[in-house]
Amino acid sequence: MRSQYEYLAVLGACVLVTVPLEWMGRGVYRRGPELARAIAPVLVVLAVWDVVAILRGHWSFHPEATTGVVIGGVLPIEEVLFFVAIPLCAVLTYEAVRERSKRWSRDG
């Protein structure tokens, strides 16, 4: 049995797990404009890609796993949030590893 909040729960877990990386890196959340410039192209390109795939019948979403909130009559809100959450987690991870690797190279 699927929950209509399943997709949101997975996204939330991904963001929650990576939140501590904010303090290990250079403060991704504190650099909002830079973060927006990093995420916006991903969001736009993949949202357009998904809309085209959905309209052509190549891609769909399980209605029981989404809330039913749809953007533009086509794209589930969960998918839009995916295009924000996953790049956010990637940037947090990248910045944390980058900062730690600088410290390791200085200490080593």
N, C-alpha and C. Protein backbone atom coordinates (compact mmCIF):
# COMPACT_ATOMS: atom_id res chain seq x y z
N MET A 1 0.84 -1.18 0.00
CA MET A 1 0.00 0.00 0.00
C MET A 1 0.88 1.24 0.00
N ARG A 2 0.67 2.10 -0.94
CA ARG A 2 1.44 3.34 -1.05
C ARG A 2 0.74 4.48 -0.33
N SER A 3 1.54 5.42 0.14
CA SER A 3 1.01 6.61 0.78
C SER A 3 1.14 7.78 -0.18
N GLN A 4 0.19 8.69 -0.15
CA GLN A 4 0.27 9.85 -1.03
C GLN A 4 1.40 10.78 -0.64
N TYR A 5 1.99 10.55 0.52
CA TYR A 5 3.11 11.37 0.98
C TYR A 5 4.45 10.65 0.87
N GLU A 6 4.47 9.50 0.21
CA GLU A 6 5.68 8.70 0.10
C GLU A 6 6.82 9.47 -0.57
N TYR A 7 6.54 10.08 -1.68
CA TYR A 7 7.54 10.82 -2.44
C TYR A 7 8.08 11.99 -1.61
N LEU A 8 7.18 12.73 -0.98
CA LEU A 8 7.59 13.85 -0.12
C LEU A 8 8.43 13.38 1.06
N ALA A 9 8.09 12.23 1.62
CA ALA A 9 8.84 11.70 2.75
C ALA A 9 10.27 11.36 2.35
N VAL A 10 10.45 10.79 1.18
CA VAL A 10 11.79 10.45 0.70
C VAL A 10 12.60 11.73 0.47
N LEU A 11 11.99 12.73 -0.13
CA LEU A 11 12.68 14.00 -0.35
C LEU A 11 13.06 14.65 0.98
N GLY A 12 12.12 14.64 1.90
CA GLY A 12 12.38 15.21 3.22
C GLY A 12 13.52 14.50 3.92
N ALA A 13 13.57 13.19 3.81
CA ALA A 13 14.65 12.42 4.43
C ALA A 13 15.99 12.77 3.81
N CYS A 14 16.03 12.93 2.50
CA CYS A 14 17.28 13.30 1.83
C CYS A 14 17.79 14.65 2.33
N VAL A 15 16.90 15.62 2.42
CA VAL A 15 17.29 16.95 2.89
C VAL A 15 17.70 16.87 4.36
N LEU A 16 16.93 16.18 5.16
CA LEU A 16 17.21 16.08 6.60
C LEU A 16 18.59 15.46 6.86
N VAL A 17 18.91 14.42 6.12
CA VAL A 17 20.18 13.73 6.32
C VAL A 17 21.36 14.63 5.95
N THR A 18 21.17 15.53 4.99
CA THR A 18 22.28 16.37 4.54
C THR A 18 22.35 17.72 5.25
N VAL A 19 21.38 18.07 6.06
CA VAL A 19 21.40 19.36 6.77
C VAL A 19 22.67 19.55 7.61
N PRO A 20 23.16 18.55 8.33
CA PRO A 20 24.40 18.76 9.11
C PRO A 20 25.61 19.14 8.26
N LEU A 21 25.56 18.85 6.97
CA LEU A 21 26.67 19.21 6.10
C LEU A 21 26.81 20.72 5.96
N GLU A 22 25.76 21.46 6.28
CA GLU A 22 25.80 22.93 6.24
C GLU A 22 26.95 23.44 7.11
N TRP A 23 27.16 22.82 8.25
CA TRP A 23 28.19 23.27 9.19
C TRP A 23 29.57 22.70 8.88
N MET A 24 29.61 21.70 8.03
CA MET A 24 30.90 21.11 7.65
C MET A 24 31.50 21.80 6.44
N GLY A 25 30.67 22.48 5.67
CA GLY A 25 31.13 23.13 4.45
C GLY A 25 31.21 24.63 4.60
N ARG A 26 30.93 25.33 3.52
CA ARG A 26 31.05 26.79 3.50
C ARG A 26 29.72 27.50 3.70
N GLY A 27 28.74 26.85 4.24
CA GLY A 27 27.47 27.51 4.49
C GLY A 27 26.62 27.69 3.25
N VAL A 28 26.15 26.63 2.70
CA VAL A 28 25.36 26.66 1.47
C VAL A 28 24.08 27.45 1.66
N TYR A 29 23.36 27.23 2.74
CA TYR A 29 22.09 27.92 2.96
C TYR A 29 22.29 29.42 3.15
N ARG A 30 23.44 29.81 3.65
CA ARG A 30 23.72 31.23 3.88
C ARG A 30 24.06 31.97 2.59
N ARG A 31 24.25 31.25 1.52
CA ARG A 31 24.58 31.86 0.23
C ARG A 31 23.43 31.64 -0.74
N GLY A 32 22.26 32.13 -0.35
CA GLY A 32 21.03 31.90 -1.10
C GLY A 32 21.08 32.22 -2.58
N PRO A 33 21.54 33.41 -2.97
CA PRO A 33 21.58 33.73 -4.41
C PRO A 33 22.47 32.78 -5.21
N GLU A 34 23.62 32.42 -4.65
CA GLU A 34 24.51 31.48 -5.34
C GLU A 34 23.85 30.10 -5.45
N LEU A 35 23.20 29.69 -4.38
CA LEU A 35 22.50 28.40 -4.38
C LEU A 35 21.39 28.40 -5.42
N ALA A 36 20.64 29.48 -5.49
CA ALA A 36 19.56 29.59 -6.48
C ALA A 36 20.12 29.51 -7.90
N ARG A 37 21.26 30.16 -8.14
CA ARG A 37 21.87 30.11 -9.48
C ARG A 37 22.37 28.71 -9.82
N ALA A 38 22.73 27.94 -8.81
CA ALA A 38 23.18 26.56 -9.05
C ALA A 38 22.01 25.63 -9.32
N ILE A 39 20.90 25.85 -8.64
CA ILE A 39 19.76 24.94 -8.74
C ILE A 39 18.81 25.30 -9.89
N ALA A 40 18.64 26.57 -10.17
CA ALA A 40 17.65 27.01 -11.17
C ALA A 40 17.80 26.35 -12.54
N PRO A 41 19.02 26.27 -13.10
CA PRO A 41 19.12 25.62 -14.43
C PRO A 41 18.69 24.16 -14.40
N VAL A 42 19.05 23.47 -13.34
CA VAL A 42 18.65 22.06 -13.19
C VAL A 42 17.13 21.96 -13.14
N LEU A 43 16.53 22.79 -12.33
CA LEU A 43 15.07 22.81 -12.18
C LEU A 43 14.38 23.07 -13.51
N VAL A 44 14.81 24.08 -14.21
CA VAL A 44 14.16 24.46 -15.47
C VAL A 44 14.30 23.37 -16.53
N VAL A 45 15.53 22.91 -16.75
CA VAL A 45 15.78 21.92 -17.80
C VAL A 45 15.03 20.61 -17.51
N LEU A 46 15.13 20.13 -16.28
CA LEU A 46 14.49 18.85 -15.97
C LEU A 46 12.97 18.95 -15.90
N ALA A 47 12.45 20.09 -15.47
CA ALA A 47 10.99 20.27 -15.46
C ALA A 47 10.45 20.27 -16.88
N VAL A 48 11.11 20.97 -17.79
CA VAL A 48 10.68 20.98 -19.20
C VAL A 48 10.77 19.57 -19.76
N TRP A 49 11.87 18.90 -19.48
CA TRP A 49 12.07 17.52 -19.96
C TRP A 49 10.93 16.62 -19.47
N ASP A 50 10.62 16.70 -18.19
CA ASP A 50 9.54 15.88 -17.62
C ASP A 50 8.19 16.20 -18.24
N VAL A 51 7.88 17.48 -18.41
CA VAL A 51 6.59 17.86 -18.99
C VAL A 51 6.46 17.29 -20.39
N VAL A 52 7.51 17.40 -21.18
CA VAL A 52 7.48 16.84 -22.54
C VAL A 52 7.28 15.32 -22.48
N ALA A 53 8.02 14.66 -21.60
CA ALA A 53 7.90 13.19 -21.48
C ALA A 53 6.51 12.78 -21.02
N ILE A 54 5.93 13.54 -20.09
CA ILE A 54 4.58 13.23 -19.60
C ILE A 54 3.56 13.43 -20.72
N LEU A 55 3.65 14.55 -21.41
CA LEU A 55 2.69 14.84 -22.48
C LEU A 55 2.79 13.85 -23.63
N ARG A 56 3.98 13.31 -23.87
CA ARG A 56 4.15 12.32 -24.94
C ARG A 56 3.82 10.90 -24.48
N GLY A 57 3.53 10.73 -23.19
CA GLY A 57 3.17 9.42 -22.67
C GLY A 57 4.36 8.53 -22.34
N HIS A 58 5.55 9.11 -22.28
CA HIS A 58 6.76 8.34 -21.97
C HIS A 58 7.02 8.23 -20.47
N TRP A 59 6.37 9.06 -19.68
CA TRP A 59 6.67 9.15 -18.27
C TRP A 59 5.38 9.43 -17.52
N SER A 60 5.26 8.87 -16.34
CA SER A 60 4.08 9.14 -15.53
C SER A 60 4.44 8.97 -14.06
N PHE A 61 3.52 9.34 -13.21
CA PHE A 61 3.71 9.23 -11.78
C PHE A 61 2.57 8.42 -11.19
N HIS A 62 2.90 7.59 -10.23
CA HIS A 62 1.88 6.77 -9.59
C HIS A 62 0.98 7.69 -8.76
N PRO A 63 -0.29 7.78 -9.09
CA PRO A 63 -1.18 8.73 -8.40
C PRO A 63 -1.32 8.47 -6.91
N GLU A 64 -1.14 7.24 -6.47
CA GLU A 64 -1.25 6.94 -5.04
C GLU A 64 -0.02 7.38 -4.25
N ALA A 65 1.09 7.71 -4.95
CA ALA A 65 2.31 8.10 -4.27
C ALA A 65 2.54 9.62 -4.31
N THR A 66 1.60 10.35 -4.87
CA THR A 66 1.71 11.80 -4.92
C THR A 66 0.48 12.43 -4.27
N THR A 67 0.63 13.69 -3.90
CA THR A 67 -0.44 14.39 -3.18
C THR A 67 -1.59 14.82 -4.09
N GLY A 68 -1.35 14.84 -5.38
CA GLY A 68 -2.38 15.29 -6.32
C GLY A 68 -2.24 16.76 -6.68
N VAL A 69 -1.31 17.46 -6.03
CA VAL A 69 -1.04 18.85 -6.37
C VAL A 69 -0.18 18.84 -7.63
N VAL A 70 -0.71 19.46 -8.69
CA VAL A 70 -0.04 19.41 -9.99
C VAL A 70 0.21 20.83 -10.49
N ILE A 71 1.42 21.06 -10.97
CA ILE A 71 1.80 22.37 -11.51
C ILE A 71 1.50 22.38 -13.01
N GLY A 72 0.80 23.39 -13.44
CA GLY A 72 0.49 23.51 -14.87
C GLY A 72 -0.37 22.39 -15.40
N GLY A 73 -1.05 21.69 -14.51
CA GLY A 73 -1.90 20.59 -14.94
C GLY A 73 -1.16 19.35 -15.38
N VAL A 74 0.17 19.34 -15.22
CA VAL A 74 0.97 18.23 -15.72
C VAL A 74 1.95 17.67 -14.69
N LEU A 75 2.70 18.54 -14.05
CA LEU A 75 3.84 18.12 -13.24
C LEU A 75 3.51 18.11 -11.75
N PRO A 76 3.60 16.94 -11.11
CA PRO A 76 3.33 16.86 -9.67
C PRO A 76 4.31 17.74 -8.88
N ILE A 77 3.82 18.37 -7.85
CA ILE A 77 4.65 19.24 -7.02
C ILE A 77 5.85 18.48 -6.46
N GLU A 78 5.68 17.20 -6.21
CA GLU A 78 6.77 16.38 -5.68
C GLU A 78 7.95 16.34 -6.67
N GLU A 79 7.65 16.33 -7.94
CA GLU A 79 8.71 16.28 -8.94
C GLU A 79 9.46 17.61 -8.99
N VAL A 80 8.75 18.70 -8.87
CA VAL A 80 9.40 20.01 -8.81
C VAL A 80 10.29 20.09 -7.57
N LEU A 81 9.79 19.63 -6.45
CA LEU A 81 10.57 19.63 -5.22
C LEU A 81 11.79 18.70 -5.33
N PHE A 82 11.65 17.62 -6.07
CA PHE A 82 12.77 16.72 -6.33
C PHE A 82 13.90 17.47 -7.02
N PHE A 83 13.53 18.31 -8.01
CA PHE A 83 14.52 19.06 -8.78
C PHE A 83 15.18 20.16 -7.96
N VAL A 84 14.65 20.44 -6.80
CA VAL A 84 15.27 21.39 -5.87
C VAL A 84 16.04 20.63 -4.79
N ALA A 85 15.39 19.64 -4.19
CA ALA A 85 15.97 18.93 -3.04
C ALA A 85 17.24 18.16 -3.40
N ILE A 86 17.23 17.43 -4.48
CA ILE A 86 18.38 16.58 -4.80
C ILE A 86 19.60 17.41 -5.19
N PRO A 87 19.46 18.44 -6.03
CA PRO A 87 20.63 19.30 -6.26
C PRO A 87 21.11 20.00 -4.99
N LEU A 88 20.18 20.39 -4.12
CA LEU A 88 20.55 20.99 -2.85
C LEU A 88 21.41 20.02 -2.04
N CYS A 89 20.98 18.78 -1.95
CA CYS A 89 21.75 17.76 -1.22
C CYS A 89 23.12 17.55 -1.86
N ALA A 90 23.16 17.58 -3.19
CA ALA A 90 24.43 17.41 -3.89
C ALA A 90 25.38 18.57 -3.60
N VAL A 91 24.86 19.80 -3.61
CA VAL A 91 25.71 20.97 -3.34
C VAL A 91 26.20 20.93 -1.89
N LEU A 92 25.33 20.59 -0.96
CA LEU A 92 25.74 20.47 0.44
C LEU A 92 26.85 19.44 0.59
N THR A 93 26.71 18.30 -0.05
CA THR A 93 27.71 17.24 0.02
C THR A 93 29.01 17.69 -0.61
N TYR A 94 28.93 18.28 -1.77
CA TYR A 94 30.12 18.76 -2.48
C TYR A 94 30.89 19.76 -1.63
N GLU A 95 30.19 20.75 -1.10
CA GLU A 95 30.85 21.79 -0.30
C GLU A 95 31.47 21.22 0.98
N ALA A 96 30.79 20.29 1.61
CA ALA A 96 31.33 19.69 2.84
C ALA A 96 32.59 18.88 2.53
N VAL A 97 32.56 18.09 1.47
CA VAL A 97 33.73 17.28 1.10
C VAL A 97 34.87 18.20 0.67
N ARG A 98 34.55 19.24 -0.07
CA ARG A 98 35.58 20.19 -0.52
C ARG A 98 36.27 20.86 0.66
N GLU A 99 35.49 21.30 1.63
CA GLU A 99 36.05 21.96 2.80
C GLU A 99 36.89 20.98 3.63
N ARG A 100 36.37 19.77 3.82
CA ARG A 100 37.12 18.76 4.59
C ARG A 100 38.41 18.37 3.88
N SER A 101 38.36 18.25 2.55
CA SER A 101 39.57 17.85 1.83
C SER A 101 40.65 18.92 1.94
N LYS A 102 40.27 20.19 2.03
CA LYS A 102 41.26 21.26 2.25
C LYS A 102 41.93 21.07 3.61
N ARG A 103 41.13 20.77 4.61
CA ARG A 103 41.66 20.56 5.96
C ARG A 103 42.57 19.33 6.01
N TRP A 104 42.14 18.26 5.33
CA TRP A 104 42.94 17.04 5.35
C TRP A 104 44.28 17.28 4.65
N SER A 105 44.29 18.04 3.58
CA SER A 105 45.55 18.26 2.86
C SER A 105 46.48 19.17 3.66
N ARG A 106 45.93 20.11 4.44
CA ARG A 106 46.76 20.96 5.29
C ARG A 106 47.32 20.17 6.48
N ASP A 107 46.49 19.26 7.01
CA ASP A 107 46.90 18.50 8.19
C ASP A 107 47.81 17.34 7.85
N GLY A 108 47.74 16.88 6.62
CA GLY A 108 48.46 15.68 6.23
C GLY A 108 49.79 15.92 5.73
